[in-house]
Amino acid sequence: GAVCFFPLGITTAGKVSDRVYYSGSKESGRV
């Protein structure tokens, strides 16, 4: 079961896009 759900060599950190920065904090006051 563990191998099926978490194949070796594959990240389990969520979607790839969730690990990429598209913007900063909305409270930062910065651009």
mmCIF file of all heavy atoms, coordinates in Angstrom:
data_MODEL
# 
_entry.id   MODEL 
# 
loop_
_atom_site.group_PDB 
_atom_site.id 
_atom_site.type_symbol 
_atom_site.label_atom_id 
_atom_site.label_alt_id 
_atom_site.label_comp_id 
_atom_site.label_asym_id 
_atom_site.label_entity_id 
_atom_site.label_seq_id 
_atom_site.pdbx_PDB_ins_code 
_atom_site.Cartn_x 
_atom_site.Cartn_y 
_atom_site.Cartn_z 
_atom_site.occupancy 
_atom_site.B_iso_or_equiv 
_atom_site.pdbx_formal_charge 
_atom_site.auth_seq_id 
_atom_site.auth_comp_id 
_atom_site.auth_asym_id 
_atom_site.auth_atom_id 
_atom_site.pdbx_PDB_model_num 
ATOM 1   N N   . GLY A 1 1  ? 0.817  -1.214 0.000   1.00 0.00 ? 1  GLY A N   1 
ATOM 2   C CA  . GLY A 1 1  ? 0.000  0.000  0.000   1.00 0.00 ? 1  GLY A CA  1 
ATOM 3   C C   . GLY A 1 1  ? 0.840  1.248  0.000   1.00 0.00 ? 1  GLY A C   1 
ATOM 4   O O   . GLY A 1 1  ? 0.550  2.218  -0.705  1.00 0.00 ? 1  GLY A O   1 
ATOM 5   N N   . ALA A 1 2  ? 1.911  1.232  0.790   1.00 0.00 ? 2  ALA A N   1 
ATOM 6   C CA  . ALA A 1 2  ? 2.785  2.404  0.850   1.00 0.00 ? 2  ALA A CA  1 
ATOM 7   C C   . ALA A 1 2  ? 3.448  2.663  -0.485  1.00 0.00 ? 2  ALA A C   1 
ATOM 8   O O   . ALA A 1 2  ? 3.564  3.804  -0.934  1.00 0.00 ? 2  ALA A O   1 
ATOM 9   C CB  . ALA A 1 2  ? 3.846  2.196  1.936   1.00 0.00 ? 2  ALA A CB  1 
ATOM 10  N N   . VAL A 1 3  ? 3.887  1.604  -1.150  1.00 0.00 ? 3  VAL A N   1 
ATOM 11  C CA  . VAL A 1 3  ? 4.529  1.766  -2.463  1.00 0.00 ? 3  VAL A CA  1 
ATOM 12  C C   . VAL A 1 3  ? 3.548  2.297  -3.485  1.00 0.00 ? 3  VAL A C   1 
ATOM 13  O O   . VAL A 1 3  ? 3.876  3.136  -4.334  1.00 0.00 ? 3  VAL A O   1 
ATOM 14  C CB  . VAL A 1 3  ? 5.135  0.426  -2.935  1.00 0.00 ? 3  VAL A CB  1 
ATOM 15  C CG1 . VAL A 1 3  ? 5.590  0.519  -4.385  1.00 0.00 ? 3  VAL A CG1 1 
ATOM 16  C CG2 . VAL A 1 3  ? 6.293  0.029  -2.026  1.00 0.00 ? 3  VAL A CG2 1 
ATOM 17  N N   . CYS A 1 4  ? 2.292  1.810  -3.407  1.00 0.00 ? 4  CYS A N   1 
ATOM 18  C CA  . CYS A 1 4  ? 1.282  2.262  -4.373  1.00 0.00 ? 4  CYS A CA  1 
ATOM 19  C C   . CYS A 1 4  ? 0.963  3.743  -4.192  1.00 0.00 ? 4  CYS A C   1 
ATOM 20  O O   . CYS A 1 4  ? 0.805  4.487  -5.161  1.00 0.00 ? 4  CYS A O   1 
ATOM 21  C CB  . CYS A 1 4  ? -0.003 1.447  -4.212  1.00 0.00 ? 4  CYS A CB  1 
ATOM 22  S SG  . CYS A 1 4  ? 0.158  -0.268 -4.774  1.00 0.00 ? 4  CYS A SG  1 
ATOM 23  N N   . PHE A 1 5  ? 0.846  4.158  -2.941  1.00 0.00 ? 5  PHE A N   1 
ATOM 24  C CA  . PHE A 1 5  ? 0.465  5.551  -2.692  1.00 0.00 ? 5  PHE A CA  1 
ATOM 25  C C   . PHE A 1 5  ? 1.640  6.502  -2.739  1.00 0.00 ? 5  PHE A C   1 
ATOM 26  O O   . PHE A 1 5  ? 1.493  7.661  -3.069  1.00 0.00 ? 5  PHE A O   1 
ATOM 27  C CB  . PHE A 1 5  ? -0.249 5.664  -1.336  1.00 0.00 ? 5  PHE A CB  1 
ATOM 28  C CG  . PHE A 1 5  ? -1.674 5.204  -1.364  1.00 0.00 ? 5  PHE A CG  1 
ATOM 29  C CD1 . PHE A 1 5  ? -2.002 3.960  -0.865  1.00 0.00 ? 5  PHE A CD1 1 
ATOM 30  C CD2 . PHE A 1 5  ? -2.661 5.996  -1.917  1.00 0.00 ? 5  PHE A CD2 1 
ATOM 31  C CE1 . PHE A 1 5  ? -3.322 3.522  -0.901  1.00 0.00 ? 5  PHE A CE1 1 
ATOM 32  C CE2 . PHE A 1 5  ? -3.970 5.570  -1.953  1.00 0.00 ? 5  PHE A CE2 1 
ATOM 33  C CZ  . PHE A 1 5  ? -4.301 4.325  -1.444  1.00 0.00 ? 5  PHE A CZ  1 
ATOM 34  N N   . PHE A 1 6  ? 2.828  6.035  -2.409  1.00 0.00 ? 6  PHE A N   1 
ATOM 35  C CA  . PHE A 1 6  ? 4.012  6.889  -2.373  1.00 0.00 ? 6  PHE A CA  1 
ATOM 36  C C   . PHE A 1 6  ? 5.148  6.224  -3.137  1.00 0.00 ? 6  PHE A C   1 
ATOM 37  O O   . PHE A 1 6  ? 6.095  5.696  -2.547  1.00 0.00 ? 6  PHE A O   1 
ATOM 38  C CB  . PHE A 1 6  ? 4.456  7.158  -0.926  1.00 0.00 ? 6  PHE A CB  1 
ATOM 39  C CG  . PHE A 1 6  ? 3.373  7.724  -0.069  1.00 0.00 ? 6  PHE A CG  1 
ATOM 40  C CD1 . PHE A 1 6  ? 2.792  6.974  0.931   1.00 0.00 ? 6  PHE A CD1 1 
ATOM 41  C CD2 . PHE A 1 6  ? 2.925  9.014  -0.279  1.00 0.00 ? 6  PHE A CD2 1 
ATOM 42  C CE1 . PHE A 1 6  ? 1.788  7.514  1.718   1.00 0.00 ? 6  PHE A CE1 1 
ATOM 43  C CE2 . PHE A 1 6  ? 1.925  9.561  0.507   1.00 0.00 ? 6  PHE A CE2 1 
ATOM 44  C CZ  . PHE A 1 6  ? 1.348  8.803  1.507   1.00 0.00 ? 6  PHE A CZ  1 
ATOM 45  N N   . PRO A 1 7  ? 5.085  6.194  -4.476  1.00 0.00 ? 7  PRO A N   1 
ATOM 46  C CA  . PRO A 1 7  ? 6.107  5.536  -5.277  1.00 0.00 ? 7  PRO A CA  1 
ATOM 47  C C   . PRO A 1 7  ? 7.480  6.120  -5.003  1.00 0.00 ? 7  PRO A C   1 
ATOM 48  O O   . PRO A 1 7  ? 7.619  7.315  -4.777  1.00 0.00 ? 7  PRO A O   1 
ATOM 49  C CB  . PRO A 1 7  ? 5.659  5.842  -6.727  1.00 0.00 ? 7  PRO A CB  1 
ATOM 50  C CG  . PRO A 1 7  ? 4.222  6.201  -6.617  1.00 0.00 ? 7  PRO A CG  1 
ATOM 51  C CD  . PRO A 1 7  ? 4.047  6.828  -5.272  1.00 0.00 ? 7  PRO A CD  1 
ATOM 52  N N   . LEU A 1 8  ? 8.481  5.244  -5.052  1.00 0.00 ? 8  LEU A N   1 
ATOM 53  C CA  . LEU A 1 8  ? 9.854  5.684  -4.817  1.00 0.00 ? 8  LEU A CA  1 
ATOM 54  C C   . LEU A 1 8  ? 10.276 6.700  -5.861  1.00 0.00 ? 8  LEU A C   1 
ATOM 55  O O   . LEU A 1 8  ? 10.006 6.537  -7.046  1.00 0.00 ? 8  LEU A O   1 
ATOM 56  C CB  . LEU A 1 8  ? 10.805 4.478  -4.864  1.00 0.00 ? 8  LEU A CB  1 
ATOM 57  C CG  . LEU A 1 8  ? 10.616 3.438  -3.742  1.00 0.00 ? 8  LEU A CG  1 
ATOM 58  C CD1 . LEU A 1 8  ? 11.571 2.276  -3.967  1.00 0.00 ? 8  LEU A CD1 1 
ATOM 59  C CD2 . LEU A 1 8  ? 10.826 4.058  -2.374  1.00 0.00 ? 8  LEU A CD2 1 
ATOM 60  N N   . GLY A 1 9  ? 10.957 7.765  -5.403  1.00 0.00 ? 9  GLY A N   1 
ATOM 61  C CA  . GLY A 1 9  ? 11.494 8.760  -6.330  1.00 0.00 ? 9  GLY A CA  1 
ATOM 62  C C   . GLY A 1 9  ? 10.517 9.855  -6.688  1.00 0.00 ? 9  GLY A C   1 
ATOM 63  O O   . GLY A 1 9  ? 10.850 10.756 -7.436  1.00 0.00 ? 9  GLY A O   1 
ATOM 64  N N   . ILE A 1 10 ? 9.280  9.778  -6.204  1.00 0.00 ? 10 ILE A N   1 
ATOM 65  C CA  . ILE A 1 10 ? 8.272  10.787 -6.524  1.00 0.00 ? 10 ILE A CA  1 
ATOM 66  C C   . ILE A 1 10 ? 8.006  11.623 -5.277  1.00 0.00 ? 10 ILE A C   1 
ATOM 67  O O   . ILE A 1 10 ? 7.756  11.091 -4.200  1.00 0.00 ? 10 ILE A O   1 
ATOM 68  C CB  . ILE A 1 10 ? 6.956  10.135 -7.015  1.00 0.00 ? 10 ILE A CB  1 
ATOM 69  C CG1 . ILE A 1 10 ? 7.227  9.266  -8.242  1.00 0.00 ? 10 ILE A CG1 1 
ATOM 70  C CG2 . ILE A 1 10 ? 5.918  11.198 -7.306  1.00 0.00 ? 10 ILE A CG2 1 
ATOM 71  C CD1 . ILE A 1 10 ? 7.761  10.037 -9.424  1.00 0.00 ? 10 ILE A CD1 1 
ATOM 72  N N   . THR A 1 11 ? 8.050  12.932 -5.436  1.00 0.00 ? 11 THR A N   1 
ATOM 73  C CA  . THR A 1 11 ? 7.817  13.796 -4.281  1.00 0.00 ? 11 THR A CA  1 
ATOM 74  C C   . THR A 1 11 ? 6.383  13.678 -3.807  1.00 0.00 ? 11 THR A C   1 
ATOM 75  O O   . THR A 1 11 ? 5.458  13.443 -4.595  1.00 0.00 ? 11 THR A O   1 
ATOM 76  C CB  . THR A 1 11 ? 8.099  15.266 -4.634  1.00 0.00 ? 11 THR A CB  1 
ATOM 77  O OG1 . THR A 1 11 ? 7.847  16.049 -3.456  1.00 0.00 ? 11 THR A OG1 1 
ATOM 78  C CG2 . THR A 1 11 ? 7.210  15.784 -5.751  1.00 0.00 ? 11 THR A CG2 1 
ATOM 79  N N   . THR A 1 12 ? 6.165  13.825 -2.507  1.00 0.00 ? 12 THR A N   1 
ATOM 80  C CA  . THR A 1 12 ? 4.817  13.781 -1.939  1.00 0.00 ? 12 THR A CA  1 
ATOM 81  C C   . THR A 1 12 ? 4.449  15.137 -1.360  1.00 0.00 ? 12 THR A C   1 
ATOM 82  O O   . THR A 1 12 ? 3.589  15.238 -0.502  1.00 0.00 ? 12 THR A O   1 
ATOM 83  C CB  . THR A 1 12 ? 4.743  12.706 -0.832  1.00 0.00 ? 12 THR A CB  1 
ATOM 84  O OG1 . THR A 1 12 ? 5.667  13.048 0.204   1.00 0.00 ? 12 THR A OG1 1 
ATOM 85  C CG2 . THR A 1 12 ? 5.068  11.340 -1.381  1.00 0.00 ? 12 THR A CG2 1 
ATOM 86  N N   . ALA A 1 13 ? 5.106  16.191 -1.843  1.00 0.00 ? 13 ALA A N   1 
ATOM 87  C CA  . ALA A 1 13 ? 4.911  17.523 -1.262  1.00 0.00 ? 13 ALA A CA  1 
ATOM 88  C C   . ALA A 1 13 ? 3.737  18.277 -1.874  1.00 0.00 ? 13 ALA A C   1 
ATOM 89  O O   . ALA A 1 13 ? 3.649  19.479 -1.762  1.00 0.00 ? 13 ALA A O   1 
ATOM 90  C CB  . ALA A 1 13 ? 6.185  18.341 -1.430  1.00 0.00 ? 13 ALA A CB  1 
ATOM 91  N N   . GLY A 1 14 ? 2.810  17.558 -2.519  1.00 0.00 ? 14 GLY A N   1 
ATOM 92  C CA  . GLY A 1 14 ? 1.678  18.232 -3.125  1.00 0.00 ? 14 GLY A CA  1 
ATOM 93  C C   . GLY A 1 14 ? 1.931  18.558 -4.581  1.00 0.00 ? 14 GLY A C   1 
ATOM 94  O O   . GLY A 1 14 ? 2.917  18.147 -5.172  1.00 0.00 ? 14 GLY A O   1 
ATOM 95  N N   . LYS A 1 15 ? 0.990  19.324 -5.179  1.00 0.00 ? 15 LYS A N   1 
ATOM 96  C CA  . LYS A 1 15 ? 1.134  19.691 -6.576  1.00 0.00 ? 15 LYS A CA  1 
ATOM 97  C C   . LYS A 1 15 ? 2.415  20.489 -6.795  1.00 0.00 ? 15 LYS A C   1 
ATOM 98  O O   . LYS A 1 15 ? 2.838  21.258 -5.942  1.00 0.00 ? 15 LYS A O   1 
ATOM 99  C CB  . LYS A 1 15 ? -0.063 20.527 -7.025  1.00 0.00 ? 15 LYS A CB  1 
ATOM 100 C CG  . LYS A 1 15 ? -1.387 19.777 -6.996  1.00 0.00 ? 15 LYS A CG  1 
ATOM 101 C CD  . LYS A 1 15 ? -2.479 20.622 -7.632  1.00 0.00 ? 15 LYS A CD  1 
ATOM 102 C CE  . LYS A 1 15 ? -2.681 21.929 -6.897  1.00 0.00 ? 15 LYS A CE  1 
ATOM 103 N NZ  . LYS A 1 15 ? -3.767 22.740 -7.493  1.00 0.00 ? 15 LYS A NZ  1 
ATOM 104 N N   . VAL A 1 16 ? 2.998  20.311 -7.987  1.00 0.00 ? 16 VAL A N   1 
ATOM 105 C CA  . VAL A 1 16 ? 4.239  21.022 -8.299  1.00 0.00 ? 16 VAL A CA  1 
ATOM 106 C C   . VAL A 1 16 ? 4.024  22.529 -8.197  1.00 0.00 ? 16 VAL A C   1 
ATOM 107 O O   . VAL A 1 16 ? 4.871  23.258 -7.652  1.00 0.00 ? 16 VAL A O   1 
ATOM 108 C CB  . VAL A 1 16 ? 4.737  20.648 -9.708  1.00 0.00 ? 16 VAL A CB  1 
ATOM 109 C CG1 . VAL A 1 16 ? 5.979  21.440 -10.054 1.00 0.00 ? 16 VAL A CG1 1 
ATOM 110 C CG2 . VAL A 1 16 ? 5.032  19.159 -9.787  1.00 0.00 ? 16 VAL A CG2 1 
ATOM 111 N N   . SER A 1 17 ? 2.898  23.016 -8.695  1.00 0.00 ? 17 SER A N   1 
ATOM 112 C CA  . SER A 1 17 ? 2.640  24.465 -8.683  1.00 0.00 ? 17 SER A CA  1 
ATOM 113 C C   . SER A 1 17 ? 2.566  25.028 -7.269  1.00 0.00 ? 17 SER A C   1 
ATOM 114 O O   . SER A 1 17 ? 2.811  26.215 -7.055  1.00 0.00 ? 17 SER A O   1 
ATOM 115 C CB  . SER A 1 17 ? 1.346  24.781 -9.437  1.00 0.00 ? 17 SER A CB  1 
ATOM 116 O OG  . SER A 1 17 ? 0.235  24.130 -8.839  1.00 0.00 ? 17 SER A OG  1 
ATOM 117 N N   . ASP A 1 18 ? 2.247  24.171 -6.284  1.00 0.00 ? 18 ASP A N   1 
ATOM 118 C CA  . ASP A 1 18 ? 2.196  24.638 -4.898  1.00 0.00 ? 18 ASP A CA  1 
ATOM 119 C C   . ASP A 1 18 ? 3.585  24.915 -4.350  1.00 0.00 ? 18 ASP A C   1 
ATOM 120 O O   . ASP A 1 18 ? 3.728  25.551 -3.299  1.00 0.00 ? 18 ASP A O   1 
ATOM 121 C CB  . ASP A 1 18 ? 1.518  23.589 -4.008  1.00 0.00 ? 18 ASP A CB  1 
ATOM 122 C CG  . ASP A 1 18 ? 0.035  23.446 -4.299  1.00 0.00 ? 18 ASP A CG  1 
ATOM 123 O OD1 . ASP A 1 18 ? -0.531 24.376 -4.912  1.00 0.00 ? 18 ASP A OD1 1 
ATOM 124 O OD2 . ASP A 1 18 ? -0.550 22.411 -3.939  1.00 0.00 ? 18 ASP A OD2 1 
ATOM 125 N N   . ARG A 1 19 ? 4.616  24.455 -5.059  1.00 0.00 ? 19 ARG A N   1 
ATOM 126 C CA  . ARG A 1 19 ? 5.999  24.645 -4.617  1.00 0.00 ? 19 ARG A CA  1 
ATOM 127 C C   . ARG A 1 19 ? 6.680  25.748 -5.423  1.00 0.00 ? 19 ARG A C   1 
ATOM 128 O O   . ARG A 1 19 ? 7.895  25.906 -5.363  1.00 0.00 ? 19 ARG A O   1 
ATOM 129 C CB  . ARG A 1 19 ? 6.759  23.327 -4.755  1.00 0.00 ? 19 ARG A CB  1 
ATOM 130 C CG  . ARG A 1 19 ? 6.188  22.219 -3.869  1.00 0.00 ? 19 ARG A CG  1 
ATOM 131 C CD  . ARG A 1 19 ? 6.464  20.835 -4.422  1.00 0.00 ? 19 ARG A CD  1 
ATOM 132 N NE  . ARG A 1 19 ? 7.884  20.591 -4.549  1.00 0.00 ? 19 ARG A NE  1 
ATOM 133 C CZ  . ARG A 1 19 ? 8.400  19.640 -5.340  1.00 0.00 ? 19 ARG A CZ  1 
ATOM 134 N NH1 . ARG A 1 19 ? 7.602  18.892 -6.088  1.00 0.00 ? 19 ARG A NH1 1 
ATOM 135 N NH2 . ARG A 1 19 ? 9.709  19.468 -5.396  1.00 0.00 ? 19 ARG A NH2 1 
ATOM 136 N N   . VAL A 1 20 ? 5.895  26.511 -6.156  1.00 0.00 ? 20 VAL A N   1 
ATOM 137 C CA  . VAL A 1 20 ? 6.406  27.590 -7.004  1.00 0.00 ? 20 VAL A CA  1 
ATOM 138 C C   . VAL A 1 20 ? 5.775  28.899 -6.553  1.00 0.00 ? 20 VAL A C   1 
ATOM 139 O O   . VAL A 1 20 ? 4.589  28.946 -6.204  1.00 0.00 ? 20 VAL A O   1 
ATOM 140 C CB  . VAL A 1 20 ? 6.072  27.315 -8.490  1.00 0.00 ? 20 VAL A CB  1 
ATOM 141 C CG1 . VAL A 1 20 ? 6.489  28.485 -9.360  1.00 0.00 ? 20 VAL A CG1 1 
ATOM 142 C CG2 . VAL A 1 20 ? 6.760  26.032 -8.955  1.00 0.00 ? 20 VAL A CG2 1 
ATOM 143 N N   . TYR A 1 21 ? 6.563  29.972 -6.553  1.00 0.00 ? 21 TYR A N   1 
ATOM 144 C CA  . TYR A 1 21 ? 6.084  31.284 -6.103  1.00 0.00 ? 21 TYR A CA  1 
ATOM 145 C C   . TYR A 1 21 ? 5.562  32.101 -7.291  1.00 0.00 ? 21 TYR A C   1 
ATOM 146 O O   . TYR A 1 21 ? 6.316  32.426 -8.193  1.00 0.00 ? 21 TYR A O   1 
ATOM 147 C CB  . TYR A 1 21 ? 7.207  32.051 -5.413  1.00 0.00 ? 21 TYR A CB  1 
ATOM 148 C CG  . TYR A 1 21 ? 7.644  31.444 -4.108  1.00 0.00 ? 21 TYR A CG  1 
ATOM 149 C CD1 . TYR A 1 21 ? 8.570  30.410 -4.069  1.00 0.00 ? 21 TYR A CD1 1 
ATOM 150 C CD2 . TYR A 1 21 ? 7.125  31.904 -2.899  1.00 0.00 ? 21 TYR A CD2 1 
ATOM 151 C CE1 . TYR A 1 21 ? 8.982  29.845 -2.864  1.00 0.00 ? 21 TYR A CE1 1 
ATOM 152 C CE2 . TYR A 1 21 ? 7.522  31.355 -1.687  1.00 0.00 ? 21 TYR A CE2 1 
ATOM 153 C CZ  . TYR A 1 21 ? 8.449  30.313 -1.687  1.00 0.00 ? 21 TYR A CZ  1 
ATOM 154 O OH  . TYR A 1 21 ? 8.847  29.765 -0.496  1.00 0.00 ? 21 TYR A OH  1 
ATOM 155 N N   . TYR A 1 22 ? 4.282  32.453 -7.240  1.00 0.00 ? 22 TYR A N   1 
ATOM 156 C CA  . TYR A 1 22 ? 3.669  33.300 -8.261  1.00 0.00 ? 22 TYR A CA  1 
ATOM 157 C C   . TYR A 1 22 ? 3.441  34.721 -7.754  1.00 0.00 ? 22 TYR A C   1 
ATOM 158 O O   . TYR A 1 22 ? 3.193  35.622 -8.542  1.00 0.00 ? 22 TYR A O   1 
ATOM 159 C CB  . TYR A 1 22 ? 2.337  32.709 -8.724  1.00 0.00 ? 22 TYR A CB  1 
ATOM 160 C CG  . TYR A 1 22 ? 2.486  31.519 -9.644  1.00 0.00 ? 22 TYR A CG  1 
ATOM 161 C CD1 . TYR A 1 22 ? 2.705  30.239 -9.131  1.00 0.00 ? 22 TYR A CD1 1 
ATOM 162 C CD2 . TYR A 1 22 ? 2.409  31.666 -11.028 1.00 0.00 ? 22 TYR A CD2 1 
ATOM 163 C CE1 . TYR A 1 22 ? 2.842  29.145 -9.970  1.00 0.00 ? 22 TYR A CE1 1 
ATOM 164 C CE2 . TYR A 1 22 ? 2.535  30.583 -11.868 1.00 0.00 ? 22 TYR A CE2 1 
ATOM 165 C CZ  . TYR A 1 22 ? 2.755  29.323 -11.339 1.00 0.00 ? 22 TYR A CZ  1 
ATOM 166 O OH  . TYR A 1 22 ? 2.895  28.244 -12.172 1.00 0.00 ? 22 TYR A OH  1 
ATOM 167 N N   . SER A 1 23 ? 3.485  34.903 -6.458  1.00 0.00 ? 23 SER A N   1 
ATOM 168 C CA  . SER A 1 23 ? 3.294  36.230 -5.863  1.00 0.00 ? 23 SER A CA  1 
ATOM 169 C C   . SER A 1 23 ? 3.777  36.184 -4.425  1.00 0.00 ? 23 SER A C   1 
ATOM 170 O O   . SER A 1 23 ? 4.065  35.114 -3.880  1.00 0.00 ? 23 SER A O   1 
ATOM 171 C CB  . SER A 1 23 ? 1.822  36.651 -5.917  1.00 0.00 ? 23 SER A CB  1 
ATOM 172 O OG  . SER A 1 23 ? 1.026  35.774 -5.131  1.00 0.00 ? 23 SER A OG  1 
ATOM 173 N N   . GLY A 1 24 ? 3.844  37.387 -3.825  1.00 0.00 ? 24 GLY A N   1 
ATOM 174 C CA  . GLY A 1 24 ? 4.231  37.478 -2.428  1.00 0.00 ? 24 GLY A CA  1 
ATOM 175 C C   . GLY A 1 24 ? 3.029  37.733 -1.551  1.00 0.00 ? 24 GLY A C   1 
ATOM 176 O O   . GLY A 1 24 ? 1.880  37.599 -1.974  1.00 0.00 ? 24 GLY A O   1 
ATOM 177 N N   . SER A 1 25 ? 3.302  38.148 -0.336  1.00 0.00 ? 25 SER A N   1 
ATOM 178 C CA  . SER A 1 25 ? 2.249  38.383 0.636   1.00 0.00 ? 25 SER A CA  1 
ATOM 179 C C   . SER A 1 25 ? 1.384  39.573 0.251   1.00 0.00 ? 25 SER A C   1 
ATOM 180 O O   . SER A 1 25 ? 1.890  40.627 -0.151  1.00 0.00 ? 25 SER A O   1 
ATOM 181 C CB  . SER A 1 25 ? 2.868  38.631 2.014   1.00 0.00 ? 25 SER A CB  1 
ATOM 182 O OG  . SER A 1 25 ? 1.900  39.128 2.913   1.00 0.00 ? 25 SER A OG  1 
ATOM 183 N N   . LYS A 1 26 ? 0.087  39.411 0.384   1.00 0.00 ? 26 LYS A N   1 
ATOM 184 C CA  . LYS A 1 26 ? -0.847 40.500 0.109   1.00 0.00 ? 26 LYS A CA  1 
ATOM 185 C C   . LYS A 1 26 ? -0.789 41.577 1.182   1.00 0.00 ? 26 LYS A C   1 
ATOM 186 O O   . LYS A 1 26 ? -1.297 42.675 1.003   1.00 0.00 ? 26 LYS A O   1 
ATOM 187 C CB  . LYS A 1 26 ? -2.281 39.954 0.008   1.00 0.00 ? 26 LYS A CB  1 
ATOM 188 C CG  . LYS A 1 26 ? -2.497 38.923 -1.076  1.00 0.00 ? 26 LYS A CG  1 
ATOM 189 C CD  . LYS A 1 26 ? -2.182 39.459 -2.461  1.00 0.00 ? 26 LYS A CD  1 
ATOM 190 C CE  . LYS A 1 26 ? -2.459 38.424 -3.536  1.00 0.00 ? 26 LYS A CE  1 
ATOM 191 N NZ  . LYS A 1 26 ? -2.053 38.893 -4.881  1.00 0.00 ? 26 LYS A NZ  1 
ATOM 192 N N   . GLU A 1 27 ? -0.154 41.251 2.305   1.00 0.00 ? 27 GLU A N   1 
ATOM 193 C CA  . GLU A 1 27 ? -0.035 42.209 3.397   1.00 0.00 ? 27 GLU A CA  1 
ATOM 194 C C   . GLU A 1 27 ? 1.332  42.895 3.427   1.00 0.00 ? 27 GLU A C   1 
ATOM 195 O O   . GLU A 1 27 ? 1.598  43.731 4.302   1.00 0.00 ? 27 GLU A O   1 
ATOM 196 C CB  . GLU A 1 27 ? -0.258 41.514 4.748   1.00 0.00 ? 27 GLU A CB  1 
ATOM 197 C CG  . GLU A 1 27 ? -1.702 41.104 5.021   1.00 0.00 ? 27 GLU A CG  1 
ATOM 198 C CD  . GLU A 1 27 ? -2.139 39.902 4.206   1.00 0.00 ? 27 GLU A CD  1 
ATOM 199 O OE1 . GLU A 1 27 ? -1.357 38.934 4.136   1.00 0.00 ? 27 GLU A OE1 1 
ATOM 200 O OE2 . GLU A 1 27 ? -3.239 39.941 3.640   1.00 0.00 ? 27 GLU A OE2 1 
ATOM 201 N N   . SER A 1 28 ? 2.198  42.560 2.477   1.00 0.00 ? 28 SER A N   1 
ATOM 202 C CA  . SER A 1 28 ? 3.578  43.059 2.525   1.00 0.00 ? 28 SER A CA  1 
ATOM 203 C C   . SER A 1 28 ? 3.692  44.541 2.155   1.00 0.00 ? 28 SER A C   1 
ATOM 204 O O   . SER A 1 28 ? 4.633  45.223 2.563   1.00 0.00 ? 28 SER A O   1 
ATOM 205 C CB  . SER A 1 28 ? 4.466  42.243 1.583   1.00 0.00 ? 28 SER A CB  1 
ATOM 206 O OG  . SER A 1 28 ? 4.099  42.475 0.226   1.00 0.00 ? 28 SER A OG  1 
ATOM 207 N N   . GLY A 1 29 ? 2.757  45.033 1.341   1.00 0.00 ? 29 GLY A N   1 
ATOM 208 C CA  . GLY A 1 29 ? 2.850  46.404 0.847   1.00 0.00 ? 29 GLY A CA  1 
ATOM 209 C C   . GLY A 1 29 ? 3.926  46.559 -0.211  1.00 0.00 ? 29 GLY A C   1 
ATOM 210 O O   . GLY A 1 29 ? 4.286  47.688 -0.575  1.00 0.00 ? 29 GLY A O   1 
ATOM 211 N N   . ARG A 1 30 ? 4.427  45.431 -0.725  1.00 0.00 ? 30 ARG A N   1 
ATOM 212 C CA  . ARG A 1 30 ? 5.535  45.461 -1.687  1.00 0.00 ? 30 ARG A CA  1 
ATOM 213 C C   . ARG A 1 30 ? 5.131  44.852 -3.033  1.00 0.00 ? 30 ARG A C   1 
ATOM 214 O O   . ARG A 1 30 ? 4.263  43.979 -3.112  1.00 0.00 ? 30 ARG A O   1 
ATOM 215 C CB  . ARG A 1 30 ? 6.733  44.671 -1.147  1.00 0.00 ? 30 ARG A CB  1 
ATOM 216 C CG  . ARG A 1 30 ? 7.320  45.225 0.142   1.00 0.00 ? 30 ARG A CG  1 
ATOM 217 C CD  . ARG A 1 30 ? 8.397  44.289 0.698   1.00 0.00 ? 30 ARG A CD  1 
ATOM 218 N NE  . ARG A 1 30 ? 8.960  44.787 1.945   1.00 0.00 ? 30 ARG A NE  1 
ATOM 219 C CZ  . ARG A 1 30 ? 10.039 45.560 2.019   1.00 0.00 ? 30 ARG A CZ  1 
ATOM 220 N NH1 . ARG A 1 30 ? 10.678 45.907 0.908   1.00 0.00 ? 30 ARG A NH1 1 
ATOM 221 N NH2 . ARG A 1 30 ? 10.492 45.972 3.180   1.00 0.00 ? 30 ARG A NH2 1 
ATOM 222 N N   . VAL A 1 31 ? 5.779  45.329 -4.082  1.00 0.00 ? 31 VAL A N   1 
ATOM 223 C CA  . VAL A 1 31 ? 5.713  44.708 -5.404  1.00 0.00 ? 31 VAL A CA  1 
ATOM 224 C C   . VAL A 1 31 ? 7.152  44.566 -5.898  1.00 0.00 ? 31 VAL A C   1 
ATOM 225 O O   . VAL A 1 31 ? 8.050  45.238 -5.404  1.00 0.00 ? 31 VAL A O   1 
ATOM 226 C CB  . VAL A 1 31 ? 4.889  45.546 -6.410  1.00 0.00 ? 31 VAL A CB  1 
ATOM 227 C CG1 . VAL A 1 31 ? 3.445  45.641 -5.972  1.00 0.00 ? 31 VAL A CG1 1 
ATOM 228 C CG2 . VAL A 1 31 ? 5.501  46.927 -6.588  1.00 0.00 ? 31 VAL A CG2 1 
# 
